[in-house]
Amino acid sequence: MTSPPPGWYPDPAGSSASRWWDGQGWTEHLQQPAAPQPQQYQQPQHQQGRSILLEQPVLVVQQKTKLIELTNEYKVADAHGQQIGAVVEVGQSAAKKALRFVSSIDQFLTHRLEVRDATGVVLVLHRPAKLVKSRVQVSRASGEPVGEIVQANAFGKIRFDMVVGGQVVGAIQAENWRAWNFAITDHTGTEVARITKTWEGLARTMFTTADNYAVQVHRRLEEPLASLVLASALTVDTALKQDDRGFG
C-alpha cells in the first residue's frame, strides 16, 4: 500500500490543528488553523446627491407662524425635532399676494413651491391654475421632470395618483372625506408611507392645528417613487390641500 506524500493533514488525534505527515509517520509538528478574518462592514449604498430628506423614517412638517399668510412656508424636521429642510412658495407677484389678503381665490391660481434641504433646492413643484381637480408637476432643481401628482376624483374620499411617464406608480388616499390621515401606496397598493396628525414621537402640542403633521416612511424607497412620496408628503397642505374643501 502506497503511503500518502508528506504534507499537512487533519490531526488523527482529533484536534482542530493539522499534523505533519513526513511520508512514513506522524510527527510532533502541529499547524493551528488560521484565525478567521473579521467580516468587513459594508456601508449601505448611498445614491450620490440623494437628499437627507429622502433618508428619514419620520419627517415632521410645521407651518411657519404668521399673522397673515401671504406665502406658504413650512419647516421640515426629523424625528428629534431638528430642522433639516423647508418648503417655500416662490414666484408670487404682488397682485397675487393682494388677492390672498382679501380673498381665497388664490386656491384656483398657479402655485410654485420649492422643497429644500441644507444643500439647496431638492424638488420643485408646480401646480397650474385649476377649477376642480389639481395637478402637481414635480421636477428636480435642474428642471429634470420626475413625475406628476394628479387628482383622480373630486368627490368622496379624494385620491391622488403619482404618475411617471403615463404610468401610475403610487397613490395618496384620504381615509375619509375630511380626514387628516392619508395612506401613500406604491403601484401594488402596498402602503409605503403615512401622513398623520396623531404621531406621538414629539409633544402633542405640536399637532394642535391642521398645518402641523408627521410623515412616516415605512421603508427606504427608490427613485422616482422616493421623490414623489417626498413631494406629496411635504406639500399635502400647500400644493394638494390648497383649497377650502381640501381632500374632500
C-alpha atoms as a PDB file:
ATOM      1  CA  MET A   1       0.000   0.000   0.000  1.00  0.00           C
ATOM      2  CA  THR A   2       1.443   3.367  -1.019  1.00  0.00           C
ATOM      3  CA  SER A   3       1.812   5.918   1.791  1.00  0.00           C
ATOM      4  CA  PRO A   4       0.456   9.453   1.197  1.00  0.00           C
ATOM      5  CA  PRO A   5       3.071  12.058   0.310  1.00  0.00           C
ATOM      6  CA  PRO A   6       4.491  14.328   3.016  1.00  0.00           C
ATOM      7  CA  GLY A   7       2.176  17.198   3.954  1.00  0.00           C
ATOM      8  CA  TRP A   8      -0.229  18.709   6.446  1.00  0.00           C
ATOM      9  CA  TYR A   9      -3.251  16.546   7.185  1.00  0.00           C
ATOM     10  CA  PRO A  10      -6.097  16.641   9.727  1.00  0.00           C
ATOM     11  CA  ASP A  11      -4.723  15.582  13.085  1.00  0.00           C
ATOM     12  CA  PRO A  12      -5.636  11.933  13.671  1.00  0.00           C
ATOM     13  CA  ALA A  13      -5.644  12.746  17.407  1.00  0.00           C
ATOM     14  CA  GLY A  14      -8.797  14.767  16.806  1.00  0.00           C
ATOM     15  CA  SER A  15      -7.534  18.276  17.500  1.00  0.00           C
ATOM     16  CA  SER A  16      -8.526  21.216  15.319  1.00  0.00           C
ATOM     17  CA  ALA A  17      -4.908  21.573  14.124  1.00  0.00           C
ATOM     18  CA  SER A  18      -3.209  19.964  11.163  1.00  0.00           C
ATOM     19  CA  ARG A  19      -0.352  17.496  11.804  1.00  0.00           C
ATOM     20  CA  TRP A  20       2.694  16.982   9.592  1.00  0.00           C
ATOM     21  CA  TRP A  21       2.969  13.596   7.880  1.00  0.00           C
ATOM     22  CA  ASP A  22       6.596  13.030   6.780  1.00  0.00           C
ATOM     23  CA  GLY A  23       5.708  10.306   4.322  1.00  0.00           C
ATOM     24  CA  GLN A  24       6.306   7.496   6.790  1.00  0.00           C
ATOM     25  CA  GLY A  25       4.671   8.549  10.043  1.00  0.00           C
ATOM     26  CA  TRP A  26       3.101  11.349  12.040  1.00  0.00           C
ATOM     27  CA  THR A  27       5.466  13.907  13.557  1.00  0.00           C
ATOM     28  CA  GLU A  28       5.039  16.198  16.561  1.00  0.00           C
ATOM     29  CA  HIS A  29       4.641  19.276  14.350  1.00  0.00           C
ATOM     30  CA  LEU A  30       1.204  20.887  14.518  1.00  0.00           C
ATOM     31  CA  GLN A  31      -0.208  23.749  12.487  1.00  0.00           C
ATOM     32  CA  GLN A  32      -3.014  25.683  14.114  1.00  0.00           C
ATOM     33  CA  PRO A  33      -5.897  26.778  11.851  1.00  0.00           C
ATOM     34  CA  ALA A  34      -5.733  30.368  10.675  1.00  0.00           C
ATOM     35  CA  ALA A  35      -7.880  32.758  12.706  1.00  0.00           C
ATOM     36  CA  PRO A  36     -10.995  33.736  10.765  1.00  0.00           C
ATOM     37  CA  GLN A  37     -10.765  37.214   9.285  1.00  0.00           C
ATOM     38  CA  PRO A  38     -13.369  39.616  10.683  1.00  0.00           C
ATOM     39  CA  GLN A  39     -16.032  40.352   8.124  1.00  0.00           C
ATOM     40  CA  GLN A  40     -15.620  43.831   6.769  1.00  0.00           C
ATOM     41  CA  TYR A  41     -18.634  46.015   7.386  1.00  0.00           C
ATOM     42  CA  GLN A  42     -20.257  47.084   4.159  1.00  0.00           C
ATOM     43  CA  GLN A  43     -21.617  50.581   4.229  1.00  0.00           C
ATOM     44  CA  PRO A  44     -25.089  50.719   2.704  1.00  0.00           C
ATOM     45  CA  GLN A  45     -25.004  52.097  -0.792  1.00  0.00           C
ATOM     46  CA  HIS A  46     -25.991  55.733  -0.967  1.00  0.00           C
ATOM     47  CA  GLN A  47     -27.064  57.417  -4.135  1.00  0.00           C
ATOM     48  CA  GLN A  48     -24.784  60.301  -4.939  1.00  0.00           C
ATOM     49  CA  GLY A  49     -26.590  63.579  -4.397  1.00  0.00           C
ATOM     50  CA  ARG A  50     -29.553  61.969  -2.616  1.00  0.00           C
ATOM     51  CA  SER A  51     -31.090  64.411  -0.156  1.00  0.00           C
ATOM     52  CA  ILE A  52     -31.121  63.754   3.580  1.00  0.00           C
ATOM     53  CA  LEU A  53     -34.890  64.305   3.372  1.00  0.00           C
ATOM     54  CA  LEU A  54     -35.182  61.055   1.411  1.00  0.00           C
ATOM     55  CA  GLU A  55     -33.395  59.062   4.112  1.00  0.00           C
ATOM     56  CA  GLN A  56     -35.620  59.903   7.094  1.00  0.00           C
ATOM     57  CA  PRO A  57     -38.122  57.403   8.531  1.00  0.00           C
ATOM     58  CA  VAL A  58     -40.056  60.323  10.054  1.00  0.00           C
ATOM     59  CA  LEU A  59     -40.487  63.913   8.874  1.00  0.00           C
ATOM     60  CA  VAL A  60     -42.329  66.498  10.944  1.00  0.00           C
ATOM     61  CA  VAL A  61     -43.839  69.366   8.948  1.00  0.00           C
ATOM     62  CA  GLN A  62     -44.622  72.615  10.755  1.00  0.00           C
ATOM     63  CA  GLN A  63     -46.166  75.730   9.263  1.00  0.00           C
ATOM     64  CA  LYS A  64     -44.292  78.976   9.894  1.00  0.00           C
ATOM     65  CA  THR A  65     -46.465  81.097  12.169  1.00  0.00           C
ATOM     66  CA  LYS A  66     -47.691  84.343  10.592  1.00  0.00           C
ATOM     67  CA  LEU A  67     -50.423  86.836  11.427  1.00  0.00           C
ATOM     68  CA  ILE A  68     -51.470  86.973   7.766  1.00  0.00           C
ATOM     69  CA  GLU A  69     -50.353  84.170   5.437  1.00  0.00           C
ATOM     70  CA  LEU A  70     -49.424  85.568   2.034  1.00  0.00           C
ATOM     71  CA  THR A  71     -46.732  82.975   1.277  1.00  0.00           C
ATOM     72  CA  ASN A  72     -46.759  79.312   2.314  1.00  0.00           C
ATOM     73  CA  GLU A  73     -43.653  78.405   4.308  1.00  0.00           C
ATOM     74  CA  TYR A  74     -43.048  75.157   6.195  1.00  0.00           C
ATOM     75  CA  LYS A  75     -40.252  73.915   8.406  1.00  0.00           C
ATOM     76  CA  VAL A  76     -39.288  70.242   7.993  1.00  0.00           C
ATOM     77  CA  ALA A  77     -37.740  68.482  10.999  1.00  0.00           C
ATOM     78  CA  ASP A  78     -36.525  64.966  11.728  1.00  0.00           C
ATOM     79  CA  ALA A  79     -37.976  62.702  14.420  1.00  0.00           C
ATOM     80  CA  HIS A  80     -35.917  64.524  17.074  1.00  0.00           C
ATOM     81  CA  GLY A  81     -37.213  67.969  16.138  1.00  0.00           C
ATOM     82  CA  GLN A  82     -34.017  69.060  14.353  1.00  0.00           C
ATOM     83  CA  GLN A  83     -34.760  71.159  11.271  1.00  0.00           C
ATOM     84  CA  ILE A  84     -33.375  69.504   8.144  1.00  0.00           C
ATOM     85  CA  GLY A  85     -35.384  71.191   5.406  1.00  0.00           C
ATOM     86  CA  ALA A  86     -38.142  73.555   4.356  1.00  0.00           C
ATOM     87  CA  VAL A  87     -40.953  74.018   1.856  1.00  0.00           C
ATOM     88  CA  VAL A  88     -41.264  77.555   0.472  1.00  0.00           C
ATOM     89  CA  GLU A  89     -43.666  79.077  -2.040  1.00  0.00           C
ATOM     90  CA  VAL A  90     -41.844  81.153  -4.661  1.00  0.00           C
ATOM     91  CA  GLY A  91     -42.666  83.354  -7.643  1.00  0.00           C
ATOM     92  CA  GLN A  92     -45.713  85.127  -6.262  1.00  0.00           C
ATOM     93  CA  SER A  93     -46.480  88.530  -7.719  1.00  0.00           C
ATOM     94  CA  ALA A  94     -47.627  91.492  -5.652  1.00  0.00           C
ATOM     95  CA  ALA A  95     -51.065  91.196  -7.281  1.00  0.00           C
ATOM     96  CA  LYS A  96     -51.403  87.568  -6.186  1.00  0.00           C
ATOM     97  CA  LYS A  97     -50.385  88.424  -2.635  1.00  0.00           C
ATOM     98  CA  ALA A  98     -53.022  91.139  -2.636  1.00  0.00           C
ATOM     99  CA  LEU A  99     -55.632  88.571  -3.744  1.00  0.00           C
ATOM    100  CA  ARG A 100     -54.594  86.294  -0.905  1.00  0.00           C
ATOM    101  CA  PHE A 101     -55.048  89.180   1.519  1.00  0.00           C
ATOM    102  CA  VAL A 102     -58.653  89.971   0.513  1.00  0.00           C
ATOM    103  CA  SER A 103     -59.986  86.612  -0.743  1.00  0.00           C
ATOM    104  CA  SER A 104     -59.429  82.875  -1.130  1.00  0.00           C
ATOM    105  CA  ILE A 105     -59.396  82.966  -4.937  1.00  0.00           C
ATOM    106  CA  ASP A 106     -55.695  82.100  -4.932  1.00  0.00           C
ATOM    107  CA  GLN A 107     -56.721  78.475  -4.365  1.00  0.00           C
ATOM    108  CA  PHE A 108     -57.547  78.377  -8.087  1.00  0.00           C
ATOM    109  CA  LEU A 109     -54.338  80.098  -9.205  1.00  0.00           C
ATOM    110  CA  THR A 110     -50.895  78.743 -10.047  1.00  0.00           C
ATOM    111  CA  HIS A 111     -48.628  77.756  -7.161  1.00  0.00           C
ATOM    112  CA  ARG A 112     -44.912  77.008  -7.260  1.00  0.00           C
ATOM    113  CA  LEU A 113     -43.088  75.519  -4.289  1.00  0.00           C
ATOM    114  CA  GLU A 114     -39.515  74.515  -3.569  1.00  0.00           C
ATOM    115  CA  VAL A 115     -38.547  71.653  -1.265  1.00  0.00           C
ATOM    116  CA  ARG A 116     -35.145  72.484   0.224  1.00  0.00           C
ATOM    117  CA  ASP A 117     -32.520  70.866   2.414  1.00  0.00           C
ATOM    118  CA  ALA A 118     -29.249  72.336   3.714  1.00  0.00           C
ATOM    119  CA  THR A 119     -27.623  71.991   0.278  1.00  0.00           C
ATOM    120  CA  GLY A 120     -30.321  73.872  -1.620  1.00  0.00           C
ATOM    121  CA  VAL A 121     -33.372  73.038  -3.705  1.00  0.00           C
ATOM    122  CA  VAL A 122     -34.222  69.323  -3.804  1.00  0.00           C
ATOM    123  CA  LEU A 123     -37.528  69.393  -5.707  1.00  0.00           C
ATOM    124  CA  VAL A 124     -39.675  71.987  -7.449  1.00  0.00           C
ATOM    125  CA  LEU A 125     -43.451  71.597  -7.509  1.00  0.00           C
ATOM    126  CA  HIS A 126     -45.616  73.473  -9.980  1.00  0.00           C
ATOM    127  CA  ARG A 127     -49.374  73.378  -9.595  1.00  0.00           C
ATOM    128  CA  PRO A 128     -51.038  75.044 -12.588  1.00  0.00           C
ATOM    129  CA  ALA A 129     -54.261  77.025 -12.152  1.00  0.00           C
ATOM    130  CA  LYS A 130     -57.220  74.707 -11.598  1.00  0.00           C
ATOM    131  CA  LEU A 131     -61.003  74.694 -11.410  1.00  0.00           C
ATOM    132  CA  VAL A 132     -61.867  71.387  -9.744  1.00  0.00           C
ATOM    133  CA  LYS A 133     -59.002  68.885  -9.861  1.00  0.00           C
ATOM    134  CA  SER A 134     -55.375  69.625  -9.035  1.00  0.00           C
ATOM    135  CA  ARG A 135     -52.302  68.503 -10.939  1.00  0.00           C
ATOM    136  CA  VAL A 136     -48.833  68.976  -9.459  1.00  0.00           C
ATOM    137  CA  GLN A 137     -45.789  68.692 -11.708  1.00  0.00           C
ATOM    138  CA  VAL A 138     -42.668  67.544  -9.841  1.00  0.00           C
ATOM    139  CA  SER A 139     -39.164  68.259 -11.117  1.00  0.00           C
ATOM    140  CA  ARG A 140     -35.628  68.422  -9.813  1.00  0.00           C
ATOM    141  CA  ALA A 141     -33.740  71.674  -9.253  1.00  0.00           C
ATOM    142  CA  SER A 142     -32.104  71.203 -12.677  1.00  0.00           C
ATOM    143  CA  GLY A 143     -35.530  71.167 -14.337  1.00  0.00           C
ATOM    144  CA  GLU A 144     -35.459  67.406 -14.998  1.00  0.00           C
ATOM    145  CA  PRO A 145     -39.027  66.112 -14.655  1.00  0.00           C
ATOM    146  CA  VAL A 146     -39.753  63.467 -12.008  1.00  0.00           C
ATOM    147  CA  GLY A 147     -43.477  62.889 -12.480  1.00  0.00           C
ATOM    148  CA  GLU A 148     -46.898  64.248 -11.609  1.00  0.00           C
ATOM    149  CA  ILE A 149     -49.338  64.061  -8.712  1.00  0.00           C
ATOM    150  CA  VAL A 150     -52.791  64.001 -10.285  1.00  0.00           C
ATOM    151  CA  GLN A 151     -56.130  64.304  -8.508  1.00  0.00           C
ATOM    152  CA  ALA A 152     -58.179  61.301  -9.575  1.00  0.00           C
ATOM    153  CA  ASN A 153     -61.616  62.290  -8.261  1.00  0.00           C
ATOM    154  CA  ALA A 154     -63.446  65.321  -6.893  1.00  0.00           C
ATOM    155  CA  PHE A 155     -65.982  63.752  -4.538  1.00  0.00           C
ATOM    156  CA  GLY A 156     -65.896  61.370  -1.592  1.00  0.00           C
ATOM    157  CA  LYS A 157     -62.538  60.140  -0.334  1.00  0.00           C
ATOM    158  CA  ILE A 158     -60.203  62.077  -2.606  1.00  0.00           C
ATOM    159  CA  ARG A 159     -57.304  60.174  -4.182  1.00  0.00           C
ATOM    160  CA  PHE A 160     -54.221  61.477  -5.951  1.00  0.00           C
ATOM    161  CA  ASP A 161     -52.273  59.276  -8.349  1.00  0.00           C
ATOM    162  CA  MET A 162     -48.499  59.534  -8.667  1.00  0.00           C
ATOM    163  CA  VAL A 163     -47.731  59.243 -12.372  1.00  0.00           C
ATOM    164  CA  VAL A 164     -44.419  58.766 -14.212  1.00  0.00           C
ATOM    165  CA  GLY A 165     -44.311  58.567 -17.990  1.00  0.00           C
ATOM    166  CA  GLY A 166     -48.046  57.954 -18.161  1.00  0.00           C
ATOM    167  CA  GLN A 167     -47.839  55.032 -15.699  1.00  0.00           C
ATOM    168  CA  VAL A 168     -49.323  55.134 -12.185  1.00  0.00           C
ATOM    169  CA  VAL A 169     -46.540  54.307  -9.694  1.00  0.00           C
ATOM    170  CA  GLY A 170     -48.430  55.061  -6.492  1.00  0.00           C
ATOM    171  CA  ALA A 171     -51.306  56.919  -4.867  1.00  0.00           C
ATOM    172  CA  ILE A 172     -52.292  59.149  -1.960  1.00  0.00           C
ATOM    173  CA  GLN A 173     -55.584  58.150  -0.356  1.00  0.00           C
ATOM    174  CA  ALA A 174     -57.506  60.048   2.316  1.00  0.00           C
ATOM    175  CA  GLU A 175     -59.069  57.827   4.959  1.00  0.00           C
ATOM    176  CA  ASN A 176     -62.364  59.711   4.802  1.00  0.00           C
ATOM    177  CA  TRP A 177     -63.798  62.831   3.230  1.00  0.00           C
ATOM    178  CA  ARG A 178     -62.373  65.247   5.848  1.00  0.00           C
ATOM    179  CA  ALA A 179     -59.508  63.188   7.280  1.00  0.00           C
ATOM    180  CA  TRP A 180     -56.043  64.395   8.106  1.00  0.00           C
ATOM    181  CA  ASN A 181     -54.675  60.862   7.881  1.00  0.00           C
ATOM    182  CA  PHE A 182     -53.509  59.720   4.459  1.00  0.00           C
ATOM    183  CA  ALA A 183     -52.020  56.472   3.182  1.00  0.00           C
ATOM    184  CA  ILE A 184     -49.360  56.652   0.457  1.00  0.00           C
ATOM    185  CA  THR A 185     -49.104  53.427  -1.550  1.00  0.00           C
ATOM    186  CA  ASP A 186     -46.926  52.057  -4.329  1.00  0.00           C
ATOM    187  CA  HIS A 187     -48.206  50.644  -7.635  1.00  0.00           C
ATOM    188  CA  THR A 188     -49.171  47.346  -5.961  1.00  0.00           C
ATOM    189  CA  GLY A 189     -51.362  49.087  -3.397  1.00  0.00           C
ATOM    190  CA  THR A 190     -48.880  48.416  -0.569  1.00  0.00           C
ATOM    191  CA  GLU A 191     -48.656  51.262   1.936  1.00  0.00           C
ATOM    192  CA  VAL A 192     -45.152  52.753   1.881  1.00  0.00           C
ATOM    193  CA  ALA A 193     -45.759  55.927   3.901  1.00  0.00           C
ATOM    194  CA  ARG A 194     -48.399  57.605   6.024  1.00  0.00           C
ATOM    195  CA  ILE A 195     -49.336  61.201   6.766  1.00  0.00           C
ATOM    196  CA  THR A 196     -50.890  61.647  10.183  1.00  0.00           C
ATOM    197  CA  LYS A 197     -51.906  64.205  12.785  1.00  0.00           C
ATOM    198  CA  THR A 198     -51.570  61.747  15.642  1.00  0.00           C
ATOM    199  CA  TRP A 199     -47.909  60.689  15.609  1.00  0.00           C
ATOM    200  CA  GLU A 200     -46.705  60.850  19.237  1.00  0.00           C
ATOM    201  CA  GLY A 201     -42.939  60.950  18.804  1.00  0.00           C
ATOM    202  CA  LEU A 202     -42.947  64.641  19.781  1.00  0.00           C
ATOM    203  CA  ALA A 203     -45.083  66.693  22.136  1.00  0.00           C
ATOM    204  CA  ARG A 204     -48.763  66.538  21.272  1.00  0.00           C
ATOM    205  CA  THR A 205     -48.942  70.318  21.383  1.00  0.00           C
ATOM    206  CA  MET A 206     -47.120  70.357  18.050  1.00  0.00           C
ATOM    207  CA  PHE A 207     -50.171  68.785  16.427  1.00  0.00           C
ATOM    208  CA  THR A 208     -52.853  71.213  17.540  1.00  0.00           C
ATOM    209  CA  THR A 209     -53.531  72.774  14.128  1.00  0.00           C
ATOM    210  CA  ALA A 210     -54.231  71.337  10.687  1.00  0.00           C
ATOM    211  CA  ASP A 211     -50.944  72.769   9.403  1.00  0.00           C
ATOM    212  CA  ASN A 212     -48.634  70.599  11.531  1.00  0.00           C
ATOM    213  CA  TYR A 213     -48.352  66.922  10.711  1.00  0.00           C
ATOM    214  CA  ALA A 214     -45.973  63.974  10.561  1.00  0.00           C
ATOM    215  CA  VAL A 215     -44.881  61.794   7.666  1.00  0.00           C
ATOM    216  CA  GLN A 216     -43.813  58.225   8.425  1.00  0.00           C
ATOM    217  CA  VAL A 217     -41.944  56.376   5.648  1.00  0.00           C
ATOM    218  CA  HIS A 218     -42.074  52.625   6.223  1.00  0.00           C
ATOM    219  CA  ARG A 219     -39.013  51.647   4.167  1.00  0.00           C
ATOM    220  CA  ARG A 220     -36.269  53.179   2.069  1.00  0.00           C
ATOM    221  CA  LEU A 221     -37.724  53.944  -1.351  1.00  0.00           C
ATOM    222  CA  GLU A 222     -36.027  54.063  -4.718  1.00  0.00           C
ATOM    223  CA  GLU A 223     -36.482  56.684  -7.407  1.00  0.00           C
ATOM    224  CA  PRO A 224     -38.723  58.045  -8.785  1.00  0.00           C
ATOM    225  CA  LEU A 225     -41.167  56.867  -6.106  1.00  0.00           C
ATOM    226  CA  ALA A 226     -38.965  58.275  -3.316  1.00  0.00           C
ATOM    227  CA  SER A 227     -39.090  61.811  -4.722  1.00  0.00           C
ATOM    228  CA  LEU A 228     -42.814  61.626  -5.485  1.00  0.00           C
ATOM    229  CA  VAL A 229     -43.575  60.428  -1.952  1.00  0.00           C
ATOM    230  CA  LEU A 230     -41.433  63.255  -0.558  1.00  0.00           C
ATOM    231  CA  ALA A 231     -43.170  65.781  -2.820  1.00  0.00           C
ATOM    232  CA  SER A 232     -46.641  64.608  -1.893  1.00  0.00           C
ATOM    233  CA  ALA A 233     -45.895  64.267   1.815  1.00  0.00           C
ATOM    234  CA  LEU A 234     -44.242  67.653   2.239  1.00  0.00           C
ATOM    235  CA  THR A 235     -46.831  69.530   0.220  1.00  0.00           C
ATOM    236  CA  VAL A 236     -50.067  67.842   1.234  1.00  0.00           C
ATOM    237  CA  ASP A 237     -51.209  71.082   2.874  1.00  0.00           C
ATOM    238  CA  THR A 238     -49.763  73.588   0.426  1.00  0.00           C
ATOM    239  CA  ALA A 239     -49.971  72.064  -3.042  1.00  0.00           C
ATOM    240  CA  LEU A 240     -52.571  69.322  -2.669  1.00  0.00           C
ATOM    241  CA  LYS A 241     -54.799  70.722   0.053  1.00  0.00           C
ATOM    242  CA  GLN A 242     -54.675  74.322  -1.173  1.00  0.00           C
ATOM    243  CA  ASP A 243     -58.395  74.909  -1.190  1.00  0.00           C
ATOM    244  CA  ASP A 244     -61.323  75.192   1.204  1.00  0.00           C
ATOM    245  CA  ARG A 245     -62.527  71.675   0.567  1.00  0.00           C
ATOM    246  CA  GLY A 246     -59.104  70.059   0.852  1.00  0.00           C
ATOM    247  CA  PHE A 247     -59.123  66.330   0.125  1.00  0.00           C
ATOM    248  CA  GLY A 248     -62.870  66.208   0.027  1.00  0.00           C
END
